[in-house]
Structures are given as structure tokens and as C-alpha cells.
Amino acid sequence: MPSSPQVTNVLDFLPATEHAALRTGNSSYDCTSGIQAAIDKGGSKVFVPAGIYPVKQLNLKSDIELYGDGQTSELRAYDSSLACEFMLATYVRDGGSANVADNMRNIRLHDLKLNGRVAEFGYQQYFYLLAVNATSDLTVERVSFYGFRGDGMYVGSGTLRSTERHNQRITVRDCVFDGAVKDNRNGLSIIDCDQLTVENCLFQNIGNAKLSHSVGGIDFEPDHPWSVYRHVTIAQCRFIDIDTVNTAGITFFNGRQAGDNIHDWVVSDCQFKNCYWGIDTATKAKTIADVADNLSVRNCHFLNSIRVDIAVNGLSGTQVSGCTFQRSPAGSGPGGDAVRLGSFAYRTSENAINTVITGNTFIGIRPQMGAIGVLGANRVVCAGNVFIDIYGSCINFAEDNTPDNSRDIEAVIISGNKVRRGRGSAPGAAVMSFLSTSRQMRITRGNLVVKHSIEYANDIESGVTTIADGASIQLVGLK
């Protein structure tokens, strides 16, 4: 496709003697200056024909469409040097301003492959295939982020520490984030974005056994009290084999919440398979009066998570509905809860606030506490769920307090749940109980009183223990 008033072909800016080798992937020519000239001097549409193009950093601009023939149009990291820190970038360093009116805007990227060559060059935390800062109205479609050394796509506040920049209305659709060799950081890192949509994307083979946290498919990690991430939708995505220690399909961090800057996240119709954590949260301690996070997880399937499927921890306003939590074969894995409410970290208790767990199915879970483990929670509704072949307790309450004496379990409603054994249940399911208590994450025969709470109209199959043997749990009526 030659250049025209409508479309600029990058090959027209590259030596004709290299065209054949570029098409066959045998060129070592540095294509950076040529493709950059096509972006800077060409029209609003810049086309990358099938081939492999070694590049360093390419800088995008407003009102541009950069696209190729699909995964056969590959931009590949030229070498391992700092010049390849960002492959595609909007503003970097302190470019742009804190005023979104100054943002770069109206950019569309589609039908390309970006290859960071992590298998050859190894992990580098701050190397991104696509760095987005101070940008509005960006659409990324059918782009393959492959072998990234740090993040596949970074949506940040500039690339200098303490630079305030904001992003708006970013859509990532039908993309693949493949870490290739699990020596990377995140598929998609979000530092700042108001209105983010991630649809029908695949996140796989992402992780790093040398890192202990903030690694996985999508990581929301605001850096400052002015950082924004709100009105987030993650739909019909798949998270597969994100299973190195402490990695997660999705991580939400609300520790920089200060007023209206962080809230409203929806995860719907997604699949999580063989993840260390499905959805993890890193939170600050909150009260009922604090701003709600409003996380909604709907119609998702969690299969064979190594630890917890959804760690609500200290979030406020979480709803988990219509999801399936499963271990196959039943009882497999080292043991972890499907849903965990509350946590204790860094000498601080975090109680889940206003949590609704309804209409879910739990199958074959081997819990650490319970299929639903309650370490700390205020105002919980657990209703209309089905528990099948749980290798332990369906719902477990932690009995002992934490050293800061701030952990709390109060205002719990448990109603309309069904507890069953499946056909041909394995012997391990015989220990199944509906309710239990625990101390130091171990099932105990404790005596727990939960205030302002009630349990009623639950359908528990004959032969399943309602309250674990030796335990006493009193849900002391609503007031």
C-alpha cells in the first residue's frame, strides 16, 4: 500500500534495500527514524505492512491512527539499551501538564504486535511497550503485547517521580498480553485513568518469581493522593497461568484514596484460571463513613486459584454475585479461600465494609479458613449461594483479635444458602460444615458471638454439619 493523502506507509520512509528483509523478518536495520518520520510528517493514518521492524522509542501524537496487518506487523525492540525503554509513547518525563485540556488526544492503535524480547534481554521494571501519560480518548484494539520486560501497557502520570498527569477515556479491546516467560511485571499497569474500559482481552504467562507483589494481569497502583482511577470496566477478559508467588489476575489498591479520586470498578464475565490470586486488593483501613470503593464482581469463573479467588480485604461496598468458584478435581490445591473478607497487614487491621455475596456457586474448595473466610467485616450479606463439596467450612469466622484490637465482625446476615454434597463425593468432603470459627487461620472449636446478626432459612443437606463440631457461634439478632 503506497502512501496517499489518506494513508502513510512506513515503508516509504525506510530504505528500499531493506524492504524484502523487513518483510521476512531478517533485517537488523534500525527503523526508528523512518517510522518516526512517517508519524510526524504523514497524514492521520500511518500503516505498518506485514514484517518485523526493529525500533527504539517511537513518539505518538494527537489525532493519529497507527495500524498494521495484525500480528504479522511487528514492532520489535532493537536492543536492550535504555533507548528501548518505551517502544510506543505519548508524553514521557514531564511532558504535558496537570490540566487535562492539554492532553494528547484522539489516538487509535490497532492490529499490531509489540515485542519486547524479554526471553533474550530479561526483566527491567520500567521498560514498557506502550507508555501512556497525559492522554485522552485513546483506543487500543487487536494489539499483541508480547514478551514485555516490565509492563506491557503503562497508563501513568508521566515517567518522572511526583509528576501530576491525568488520563481520560481509554479503551483496550481484543488485545493479548502475553508475558512469554514470566520474567516481567504487569500486562496492564494503571496509575491514573478516569474511565477505563478493558474488553475481551487475554492475559497470560505473566509473573516474576523474584518479586513478591504488584505483579500480574492488571494492576491498579496509584502513586499519589491526586492519582485517579474510577469508572473502570473490565469485561469478558481471560486471566490464565498468572501463577508465580503473590501474582494476581487483577489487583486493586485504594491506599491513595482521598475523596472522589478512586471508586467504581466493575469486573464482569471474566475467567480466571490457574492464578495465584484471582482478584487481590491492597487497602487501607476504612470505616463505614469513608468513601466507598464500589467493586462489583459479576458472572466470573474462578478455576484452580492457588490461594484466594477474591481478596476483599478492607474494601468498602463490594458485591460478588453470580460467580463460580471451583477447584478441579474437587479438593485439589494447597488450600485457599474463595472469598476473603478483611486482613491484617503492617500491624493494621482492615475490615471489609458493606459486602454483599449473593447468587454464587462454590465447588470443591479446600479453604484455609472457609470458602468464605471472614477475618474482619462490618455489614455482610451472604445470601442465595450454593456450596457443593467444600473440604472444610463454607463460612468461617476468625475468633481471635489482632494486636491492634481493631479487627471487627459485626452485622452479618446469612440467609437462603444451599449446602450440598455432589454425586460421588470424595472422602475429604465428609468434614464439610456450614459455619465454623478459626484462630490464627486454623479451624478451632471456638466460641464466637457476632452482634447485630442473623442466620436463617439456609437449606443444609442432611449429614452436613451446621456448625463445626465443638464450636459455638451465636449470631445475636438484628437491632
Protein backbone atom coordinates (compact mmCIF):
# COMPACT_ATOMS: atom_id res chain seq x y z
CA MET A 1 0.00 0.00 0.00
CA PRO A 2 1.80 3.20 -1.14
CA SER A 3 1.40 6.47 0.71
CA SER A 4 -1.62 8.56 -0.22
CA PRO A 5 -3.29 11.68 1.13
CA GLN A 6 -5.25 9.39 3.43
CA VAL A 7 -2.67 6.75 4.41
CA THR A 8 1.07 6.93 5.04
CA ASN A 9 3.01 3.68 4.52
CA VAL A 10 6.07 3.44 6.77
CA LEU A 11 7.97 1.55 4.06
CA ASP A 12 8.09 4.77 2.05
CA PHE A 13 10.29 6.22 4.82
CA LEU A 14 12.62 3.20 5.02
CA PRO A 15 15.41 2.22 2.58
CA ALA A 16 14.11 0.22 -0.36
CA THR A 17 17.11 -2.08 0.03
CA GLU A 18 15.70 -3.20 3.41
CA HIS A 19 12.11 -3.83 2.36
CA ALA A 20 12.48 -7.51 1.49
CA ALA A 21 14.41 -8.29 4.68
CA LEU A 22 11.88 -6.37 6.78
CA ARG A 23 9.03 -8.35 5.24
CA THR A 24 10.73 -11.68 6.01
CA GLY A 25 11.94 -10.65 9.48
CA ASN A 26 15.61 -10.83 8.58
CA SER A 27 16.54 -7.16 8.85
CA SER A 28 18.64 -5.68 11.64
CA TYR A 29 18.11 -2.15 10.33
CA ASP A 30 17.08 0.44 12.95
CA CYS A 31 13.69 1.57 11.68
CA THR A 32 13.13 4.17 14.40
CA SER A 33 13.87 7.37 12.49
CA GLY A 34 11.98 6.26 9.40
CA ILE A 35 8.80 5.24 11.23
CA GLN A 36 9.02 8.37 13.39
CA ALA A 37 9.21 10.47 10.23
CA ALA A 38 6.11 8.69 8.92
CA ILE A 39 4.29 9.57 12.14
CA ASP A 40 5.48 13.18 12.21
CA LYS A 41 5.22 14.04 8.51
CA GLY A 42 2.48 11.73 7.29
CA GLY A 43 -1.25 12.04 7.43
CA SER A 44 -3.63 10.98 10.16
CA LYS A 45 -3.30 7.28 9.22
CA VAL A 46 0.06 5.51 9.39
CA PHE A 47 0.19 1.95 8.09
CA VAL A 48 2.75 -0.69 9.09
CA PRO A 49 2.70 -3.51 6.50
CA ALA A 50 3.41 -7.13 7.46
CA GLY A 51 7.02 -7.55 8.54
CA ILE A 52 9.32 -7.21 11.54
CA TYR A 53 10.61 -3.72 12.26
CA PRO A 54 13.42 -3.27 14.82
CA VAL A 55 12.73 0.01 16.69
CA LYS A 56 13.72 2.07 19.69
CA GLN A 57 11.30 4.68 21.09
CA LEU A 58 8.52 5.95 18.82
CA ASN A 59 6.59 9.04 19.90
CA LEU A 60 2.89 9.28 19.12
CA LYS A 61 0.88 12.43 18.54
CA SER A 62 -2.73 13.57 18.72
CA ASP A 63 -5.23 12.61 16.03
CA ILE A 64 -3.30 9.67 14.66
CA GLU A 65 -4.24 6.12 13.70
CA LEU A 66 -1.26 3.74 13.72
CA TYR A 67 -2.10 0.26 12.48
CA GLY A 68 -0.87 -2.84 10.70
CA ASP A 69 -1.93 -6.15 9.21
CA GLY A 70 -2.34 -7.83 12.60
CA GLN A 71 0.31 -9.86 14.41
CA THR A 72 2.28 -10.11 11.17
CA SER A 73 3.05 -6.39 11.57
CA GLU A 74 5.58 -6.50 14.41
CA LEU A 75 7.49 -3.71 16.08
CA ARG A 76 10.41 -5.39 17.86
CA ALA A 77 12.77 -3.94 20.46
CA TYR A 78 16.00 -3.04 18.66
CA ASP A 79 18.26 -3.94 21.59
CA SER A 80 18.36 -4.00 25.39
CA SER A 81 19.55 -0.40 25.80
CA LEU A 82 17.79 2.46 27.58
CA ALA A 83 16.84 3.82 24.15
CA CYS A 84 14.30 0.96 24.04
CA GLU A 85 12.78 1.74 27.45
CA PHE A 86 9.48 2.70 25.79
CA MET A 87 8.51 1.30 22.41
CA LEU A 88 5.45 3.49 21.78
CA ALA A 89 4.84 6.56 23.94
CA THR A 90 2.61 9.58 24.25
CA TYR A 91 4.10 12.06 26.74
CA VAL A 92 7.14 10.92 28.76
CA ARG A 93 9.14 12.50 31.55
CA ASP A 94 7.30 15.75 32.40
CA GLY A 95 5.55 16.18 29.04
CA GLY A 96 2.01 17.51 29.10
CA SER A 97 0.53 19.23 32.15
CA ALA A 98 -1.74 18.52 35.10
CA ASN A 99 -4.59 20.13 33.15
CA VAL A 100 -6.38 17.51 31.03
CA ALA A 101 -7.18 20.22 28.47
CA ASP A 102 -3.52 19.98 27.49
CA ASN A 103 -3.63 16.22 26.98
CA MET A 104 -2.59 14.44 23.82
CA ARG A 105 -5.83 13.03 22.42
CA ASN A 106 -7.71 11.04 19.78
CA ILE A 107 -5.22 8.23 19.19
CA ARG A 108 -6.07 4.80 17.79
CA LEU A 109 -3.65 1.87 17.71
CA HIS A 110 -4.73 -1.42 16.19
CA ASP A 111 -3.69 -4.65 14.51
CA LEU A 112 -0.05 -4.63 15.60
CA LYS A 113 2.37 -6.81 17.57
CA LEU A 114 4.78 -5.21 20.04
CA ASN A 115 7.67 -7.48 21.07
CA GLY A 116 9.93 -6.56 23.99
CA ARG A 117 12.18 -9.66 23.67
CA VAL A 118 12.14 -10.46 27.38
CA ALA A 119 13.39 -14.01 26.76
CA GLU A 120 16.60 -12.53 25.33
CA PHE A 121 17.07 -9.38 27.42
CA GLY A 122 15.45 -10.25 30.78
CA TYR A 123 13.40 -8.28 33.31
CA GLN A 124 13.57 -4.48 33.51
CA GLN A 125 10.94 -2.89 35.76
CA TYR A 126 10.48 0.40 33.92
CA PHE A 127 10.56 -0.84 30.32
CA TYR A 128 7.10 -0.54 28.73
CA LEU A 129 5.87 -1.49 25.28
CA LEU A 130 3.26 1.29 25.38
CA ALA A 131 3.67 4.23 27.76
CA VAL A 132 0.58 6.44 28.05
CA ASN A 133 0.68 9.70 30.01
CA ALA A 134 -1.48 12.85 29.91
CA THR A 135 -3.66 11.30 27.19
CA SER A 136 -7.38 11.44 26.48
CA ASP A 137 -9.50 9.31 24.15
CA LEU A 138 -7.10 6.50 23.33
CA THR A 139 -8.31 3.25 21.77
CA VAL A 140 -6.07 0.17 21.56
CA GLU A 141 -7.55 -2.74 19.60
CA ARG A 142 -6.21 -6.10 18.47
CA VAL A 143 -2.70 -5.34 19.64
CA SER A 144 -0.47 -8.18 20.86
CA PHE A 145 1.78 -7.14 23.75
CA TYR A 146 4.39 -9.88 23.75
CA GLY A 147 7.45 -10.55 25.88
CA PHE A 148 7.39 -7.25 27.78
CA ARG A 149 10.33 -6.72 30.15
CA GLY A 150 8.39 -4.57 32.62
CA ASP A 151 4.79 -3.68 31.75
CA GLY A 152 3.01 -4.36 28.51
CA MET A 153 1.00 -1.14 28.72
CA TYR A 154 1.56 1.58 31.31
CA VAL A 155 -1.08 4.25 31.94
CA GLY A 156 0.72 6.70 34.17
CA SER A 157 1.38 10.21 35.41
CA GLY A 158 4.47 10.89 33.36
CA THR A 159 7.67 8.95 33.85
CA LEU A 160 9.25 11.22 36.46
CA ARG A 161 8.56 10.84 40.15
CA SER A 162 5.86 13.16 41.55
CA THR A 163 4.69 14.43 38.15
CA GLU A 164 0.94 15.04 38.15
CA ARG A 165 -0.71 13.99 34.91
CA HIS A 166 -4.16 12.54 34.24
CA ASN A 167 -5.57 10.20 31.58
CA GLN A 168 -9.18 10.02 30.40
CA ARG A 169 -11.36 7.63 28.42
CA ILE A 170 -9.01 4.82 27.48
CA THR A 171 -10.30 1.66 25.83
CA VAL A 172 -8.30 -1.56 25.44
CA ARG A 173 -10.20 -4.12 23.39
CA ASP A 174 -9.48 -7.56 21.87
CA CYS A 175 -5.81 -7.41 22.87
CA VAL A 176 -3.38 -10.12 24.02
CA PHE A 177 -0.94 -9.54 26.87
CA ASP A 178 1.49 -12.47 26.83
CA GLY A 179 4.49 -12.28 29.15
CA ALA A 180 6.01 -15.25 27.32
CA VAL A 181 8.49 -16.42 30.01
CA LYS A 182 7.12 -14.97 33.29
CA ASP A 183 10.03 -12.58 33.80
CA ASN A 184 8.03 -9.36 33.72
CA ARG A 185 5.82 -7.13 35.82
CA ASN A 186 2.27 -6.39 34.65
CA GLY A 187 0.32 -6.80 31.47
CA LEU A 188 -1.50 -3.51 32.12
CA SER A 189 -0.49 -1.03 34.85
CA ILE A 190 -2.89 1.76 35.75
CA ILE A 191 -1.52 4.69 37.74
CA ASP A 192 -4.11 7.23 36.63
CA CYS A 193 -7.20 6.93 34.42
CA ASP A 194 -10.70 8.33 34.59
CA GLN A 195 -13.00 5.98 32.59
CA LEU A 196 -11.11 2.86 31.62
CA THR A 197 -12.62 0.00 29.62
CA VAL A 198 -10.81 -3.31 29.10
CA GLU A 199 -12.84 -5.76 27.00
CA ASN A 200 -12.28 -9.24 25.59
CA CYS A 201 -8.54 -9.30 26.33
CA LEU A 202 -6.30 -12.25 27.17
CA PHE A 203 -3.67 -12.00 29.93
CA GLN A 204 -1.36 -15.00 30.20
CA ASN A 205 2.11 -16.17 31.24
CA ILE A 206 2.73 -13.05 33.31
CA GLY A 207 4.72 -13.07 36.53
CA ASN A 208 8.08 -12.93 38.22
CA ALA A 209 9.10 -15.34 40.97
CA LYS A 210 11.70 -12.82 42.20
CA LEU A 211 9.04 -10.21 43.04
CA SER A 212 6.62 -10.55 45.94
CA HIS A 213 3.77 -8.23 44.97
CA SER A 214 2.32 -5.84 42.37
CA VAL A 215 2.72 -8.32 39.56
CA GLY A 216 0.03 -9.76 37.32
CA GLY A 217 -2.51 -9.18 34.59
CA ILE A 218 -3.92 -5.76 35.52
CA ASP A 219 -2.52 -3.75 38.42
CA PHE A 220 -4.13 -0.56 39.70
CA GLU A 221 -1.39 1.21 41.64
CA PRO A 222 -1.96 4.97 42.13
CA ASP A 223 1.10 6.77 43.47
CA HIS A 224 -0.29 9.98 45.00
CA PRO A 225 -3.45 11.38 46.62
CA TRP A 226 -4.18 13.21 43.36
CA SER A 227 -3.99 10.00 41.32
CA VAL A 228 -7.30 8.98 39.76
CA TYR A 229 -8.75 5.65 38.77
CA ARG A 230 -12.50 5.46 38.66
CA HIS A 231 -15.34 4.28 36.42
CA VAL A 232 -13.43 1.14 35.47
CA THR A 233 -14.99 -1.71 33.46
CA ILE A 234 -13.16 -4.99 32.88
CA ALA A 235 -15.38 -7.35 30.90
CA GLN A 236 -15.08 -10.71 29.12
CA CYS A 237 -11.35 -10.99 29.78
CA ARG A 238 -9.33 -14.13 30.48
CA PHE A 239 -6.51 -14.41 33.00
CA ILE A 240 -4.55 -17.64 32.55
CA ASP A 241 -1.43 -19.06 34.23
CA ILE A 242 -0.61 -15.97 36.25
CA ASP A 243 0.67 -18.20 38.99
CA THR A 244 4.09 -17.17 40.30
CA VAL A 245 4.06 -16.37 44.03
CA ASN A 246 1.76 -13.49 45.03
CA THR A 247 0.73 -12.62 41.48
CA ALA A 248 -2.87 -11.77 40.65
CA GLY A 249 -5.15 -11.59 37.65
CA ILE A 250 -6.28 -8.14 38.86
CA THR A 251 -5.02 -6.06 41.79
CA PHE A 252 -6.90 -3.04 43.13
CA PHE A 253 -5.09 -0.65 45.52
CA ASN A 254 -7.09 2.06 47.28
CA GLY A 255 -4.34 3.34 49.59
CA ARG A 256 -4.26 6.73 47.83
CA GLN A 257 -8.00 7.30 48.07
CA ALA A 258 -8.69 10.90 49.07
CA GLY A 259 -12.25 11.94 48.34
CA ASP A 260 -13.61 11.30 44.85
CA ASN A 261 -10.43 10.13 43.11
CA ILE A 262 -10.78 6.34 43.41
CA HIS A 263 -14.07 4.41 43.13
CA ASP A 264 -16.44 2.34 40.99
CA TRP A 265 -14.86 -0.73 39.43
CA VAL A 266 -16.75 -3.48 37.61
CA VAL A 267 -15.31 -6.90 36.72
CA SER A 268 -17.83 -8.94 34.75
CA ASP A 269 -17.98 -12.15 32.72
CA CYS A 270 -14.25 -12.83 33.14
CA GLN A 271 -12.36 -16.12 33.53
CA PHE A 272 -9.52 -16.67 35.97
CA LYS A 273 -7.64 -19.94 35.50
CA ASN A 274 -4.56 -21.10 37.41
CA CYS A 275 -3.85 -17.73 39.02
CA TYR A 276 -2.06 -17.38 42.36
CA TRP A 277 -4.74 -14.84 43.34
CA GLY A 278 -7.74 -14.16 41.14
CA ILE A 279 -8.58 -10.64 42.30
CA ASP A 280 -6.42 -9.19 45.05
CA THR A 281 -6.79 -5.89 46.86
CA ALA A 282 -4.32 -3.81 48.81
CA THR A 283 -6.25 -1.43 51.01
CA LYS A 284 -6.10 0.99 53.87
CA ALA A 285 -8.22 0.60 56.99
CA LYS A 286 -11.64 2.17 56.44
CA THR A 287 -14.85 2.91 58.31
CA ILE A 288 -18.47 2.94 57.21
CA ALA A 289 -18.29 6.73 56.92
CA ASP A 290 -15.42 6.63 54.42
CA VAL A 291 -15.80 6.93 50.65
CA ALA A 292 -16.94 3.59 49.18
CA ASP A 293 -14.75 1.78 46.67
CA ASN A 294 -17.72 0.08 44.97
CA LEU A 295 -16.16 -3.04 43.47
CA SER A 296 -18.63 -5.25 41.64
CA VAL A 297 -17.58 -8.74 40.51
CA ARG A 298 -20.30 -10.36 38.42
CA ASN A 299 -20.68 -13.62 36.49
CA CYS A 300 -17.00 -14.56 36.64
CA HIS A 301 -15.47 -18.05 36.77
CA PHE A 302 -12.51 -18.77 39.04
CA LEU A 303 -10.82 -22.13 38.43
CA ASN A 304 -7.92 -23.56 40.45
CA SER A 305 -6.62 -20.42 42.06
CA ILE A 306 -3.62 -21.28 44.19
CA ARG A 307 -4.69 -19.07 47.09
CA VAL A 308 -7.67 -16.70 47.34
CA ASP A 309 -10.01 -16.12 44.41
CA ILE A 310 -11.23 -12.70 45.60
CA ALA A 311 -9.48 -10.94 48.48
CA VAL A 312 -11.86 -8.16 49.51
CA ASN A 313 -9.64 -7.22 52.47
CA GLY A 314 -10.64 -3.69 53.60
CA LEU A 315 -12.68 -2.53 50.64
CA SER A 316 -15.99 -0.77 51.16
CA GLY A 317 -19.05 -1.53 49.04
CA THR A 318 -18.09 -4.81 47.37
CA GLN A 319 -20.63 -7.01 45.60
CA VAL A 320 -19.81 -10.53 44.42
CA SER A 321 -22.70 -12.07 42.50
CA GLY A 322 -23.36 -14.85 40.01
CA CYS A 323 -19.78 -16.15 40.12
CA THR A 324 -18.48 -19.73 40.16
CA PHE A 325 -15.54 -20.65 42.38
CA GLN A 326 -14.14 -24.07 41.59
CA ARG A 327 -11.28 -26.47 42.22
CA SER A 328 -10.94 -29.37 39.80
CA PRO A 329 -10.58 -32.08 40.82
CA ALA A 330 -12.55 -31.19 43.93
CA GLY A 331 -10.37 -30.57 46.97
CA SER A 332 -7.21 -30.01 44.95
CA GLY A 333 -4.63 -27.33 45.60
CA PRO A 334 -2.74 -26.26 48.71
CA GLY A 335 -5.79 -24.64 50.30
CA GLY A 336 -7.18 -21.13 49.98
CA ASP A 337 -10.48 -19.35 50.45
CA ALA A 338 -12.72 -18.43 47.55
CA VAL A 339 -13.63 -15.08 49.12
CA ARG A 340 -11.65 -13.48 51.98
CA LEU A 341 -13.09 -10.55 53.92
CA GLY A 342 -10.69 -8.46 55.96
CA SER A 343 -6.96 -8.69 56.54
CA PHE A 344 -4.21 -7.84 58.98
CA ALA A 345 -1.03 -6.38 57.49
CA TYR A 346 1.68 -4.00 58.66
CA ARG A 347 0.19 -4.11 62.19
CA THR A 348 -3.12 -2.72 60.94
CA SER A 349 -6.50 -4.42 60.76
CA GLU A 350 -8.60 -3.87 57.66
CA ASN A 351 -12.28 -4.75 57.90
CA ALA A 352 -14.41 -5.27 54.80
CA ILE A 353 -17.29 -2.77 54.85
CA ASN A 354 -20.75 -3.31 53.33
CA THR A 355 -20.15 -6.54 51.41
CA VAL A 356 -22.83 -8.48 49.51
CA ILE A 357 -22.11 -12.07 48.42
CA THR A 358 -25.09 -13.48 46.59
CA GLY A 359 -26.06 -16.00 43.93
CA ASN A 360 -22.62 -17.62 43.70
CA THR A 361 -21.62 -21.27 43.43
CA PHE A 362 -18.68 -22.74 45.36
CA ILE A 363 -17.50 -26.18 44.22
CA GLY A 364 -14.77 -28.38 45.68
CA ILE A 365 -12.99 -25.60 47.56
CA ARG A 366 -10.29 -26.65 50.05
CA PRO A 367 -10.26 -23.50 52.20
CA GLN A 368 -7.68 -22.13 54.57
CA MET A 369 -10.46 -20.58 56.68
CA GLY A 370 -13.71 -21.11 54.78
CA ALA A 371 -14.97 -20.97 51.23
CA ILE A 372 -15.92 -17.54 52.55
CA GLY A 373 -13.36 -16.61 55.19
CA VAL A 374 -14.27 -13.68 57.44
CA LEU A 375 -11.26 -12.20 59.19
CA GLY A 376 -12.84 -8.79 59.67
CA ALA A 377 -16.10 -7.39 58.29
CA ASN A 378 -18.84 -4.92 59.16
CA ARG A 379 -22.20 -5.33 57.40
CA VAL A 380 -22.13 -8.51 55.35
CA VAL A 381 -24.97 -10.14 53.42
CA CYS A 382 -24.31 -13.73 52.37
CA ALA A 383 -27.46 -14.98 50.66
CA GLY A 384 -28.63 -17.34 47.95
CA ASN A 385 -25.28 -19.06 47.40
CA VAL A 386 -24.72 -22.76 46.70
CA PHE A 387 -21.89 -24.69 48.37
CA ILE A 388 -21.01 -28.12 46.95
CA ASP A 389 -18.33 -30.47 48.33
CA ILE A 390 -16.43 -27.95 50.43
CA TYR A 391 -13.40 -29.62 52.04
CA GLY A 392 -13.86 -27.79 55.32
CA SER A 393 -16.21 -24.94 56.20
CA CYS A 394 -18.50 -22.97 53.93
CA ILE A 395 -18.32 -19.80 56.07
CA ASN A 396 -15.67 -19.32 58.71
CA PHE A 397 -15.26 -16.52 61.23
CA ALA A 398 -11.91 -15.65 62.80
CA GLU A 399 -12.31 -15.72 66.55
CA ASP A 400 -9.12 -14.19 67.91
CA ASN A 401 -8.35 -10.48 67.78
CA THR A 402 -5.36 -8.82 66.15
CA PRO A 403 -2.67 -6.96 68.11
CA ASP A 404 -4.14 -3.56 67.26
CA ASN A 405 -7.56 -4.64 68.65
CA SER A 406 -9.25 -3.11 65.59
CA ARG A 407 -10.50 -6.21 63.84
CA ASP A 408 -14.27 -6.40 63.90
CA ILE A 409 -17.01 -8.81 62.79
CA GLU A 410 -20.49 -7.34 63.08
CA ALA A 411 -23.86 -7.03 61.32
CA VAL A 412 -23.84 -10.29 59.35
CA ILE A 413 -26.87 -11.71 57.54
CA ILE A 414 -26.67 -15.32 56.30
CA SER A 415 -29.81 -16.47 54.52
CA GLY A 416 -31.15 -18.67 51.76
CA ASN A 417 -27.92 -20.56 51.06
CA LYS A 418 -27.86 -24.19 49.93
CA VAL A 419 -25.24 -26.67 51.14
CA ARG A 420 -24.84 -29.94 49.25
CA ARG A 421 -22.61 -32.88 48.60
CA GLY A 422 -22.17 -33.72 44.95
CA ARG A 423 -22.61 -37.13 43.43
CA GLY A 424 -19.72 -39.43 44.25
CA SER A 425 -18.19 -37.00 46.74
CA ALA A 426 -14.63 -37.86 47.76
CA PRO A 427 -13.95 -38.79 51.40
CA GLY A 428 -12.39 -35.40 52.13
CA ALA A 429 -15.74 -33.71 51.67
CA ALA A 430 -17.07 -35.59 54.70
CA VAL A 431 -15.65 -32.89 57.00
CA MET A 432 -17.87 -30.28 55.37
CA SER A 433 -19.60 -27.86 57.75
CA PHE A 434 -21.68 -24.78 57.11
CA LEU A 435 -20.28 -22.48 59.81
CA SER A 436 -17.08 -22.61 61.84
CA THR A 437 -14.61 -20.48 63.78
CA SER A 438 -10.86 -20.18 63.46
CA ARG A 439 -7.87 -18.91 65.39
CA GLN A 440 -4.66 -17.94 63.62
CA MET A 441 -6.14 -19.22 60.34
CA ARG A 442 -6.73 -22.68 61.81
CA ILE A 443 -10.15 -24.25 62.30
CA THR A 444 -10.86 -24.39 66.01
CA ARG A 445 -13.62 -25.26 68.42
CA GLY A 446 -14.12 -21.67 69.46
CA ASN A 447 -16.96 -19.69 70.96
CA LEU A 448 -17.87 -16.67 68.84
CA VAL A 449 -20.60 -14.06 69.35
CA VAL A 450 -21.41 -11.84 66.34
CA LYS A 451 -23.52 -8.78 67.19
CA HIS A 452 -26.45 -7.42 65.19
CA SER A 453 -26.50 -10.56 63.07
CA ILE A 454 -28.85 -13.33 61.99
CA GLU A 455 -28.77 -16.69 60.21
CA TYR A 456 -32.00 -18.16 58.84
CA ALA A 457 -33.66 -20.16 56.04
CA ASN A 458 -30.49 -21.93 54.91
CA ASP A 459 -31.00 -25.31 53.25
CA ILE A 460 -28.35 -27.66 54.63
CA GLU A 461 -28.33 -31.22 53.34
CA SER A 462 -28.75 -33.96 55.89
CA GLY A 463 -25.37 -35.20 57.06
CA VAL A 464 -23.59 -31.87 56.64
CA THR A 465 -22.65 -30.31 59.97
CA THR A 466 -24.37 -26.97 60.52
CA ILE A 467 -21.73 -25.72 62.96
CA ALA A 468 -18.33 -27.41 63.10
CA ASP A 469 -18.07 -29.97 65.88
CA GLY A 470 -17.16 -28.37 69.18
CA ALA A 471 -17.65 -24.78 68.00
CA SER A 472 -20.25 -22.36 69.31
CA ILE A 473 -21.39 -19.49 67.09
CA GLN A 474 -24.03 -17.05 68.23
CA LEU A 475 -25.47 -14.62 65.71
CA VAL A 476 -27.14 -12.19 68.06
CA GLY A 477 -30.21 -10.69 66.34
CA LEU A 478 -30.60 -7.54 64.31
CA LYS A 479 -31.08 -4.24 66.11
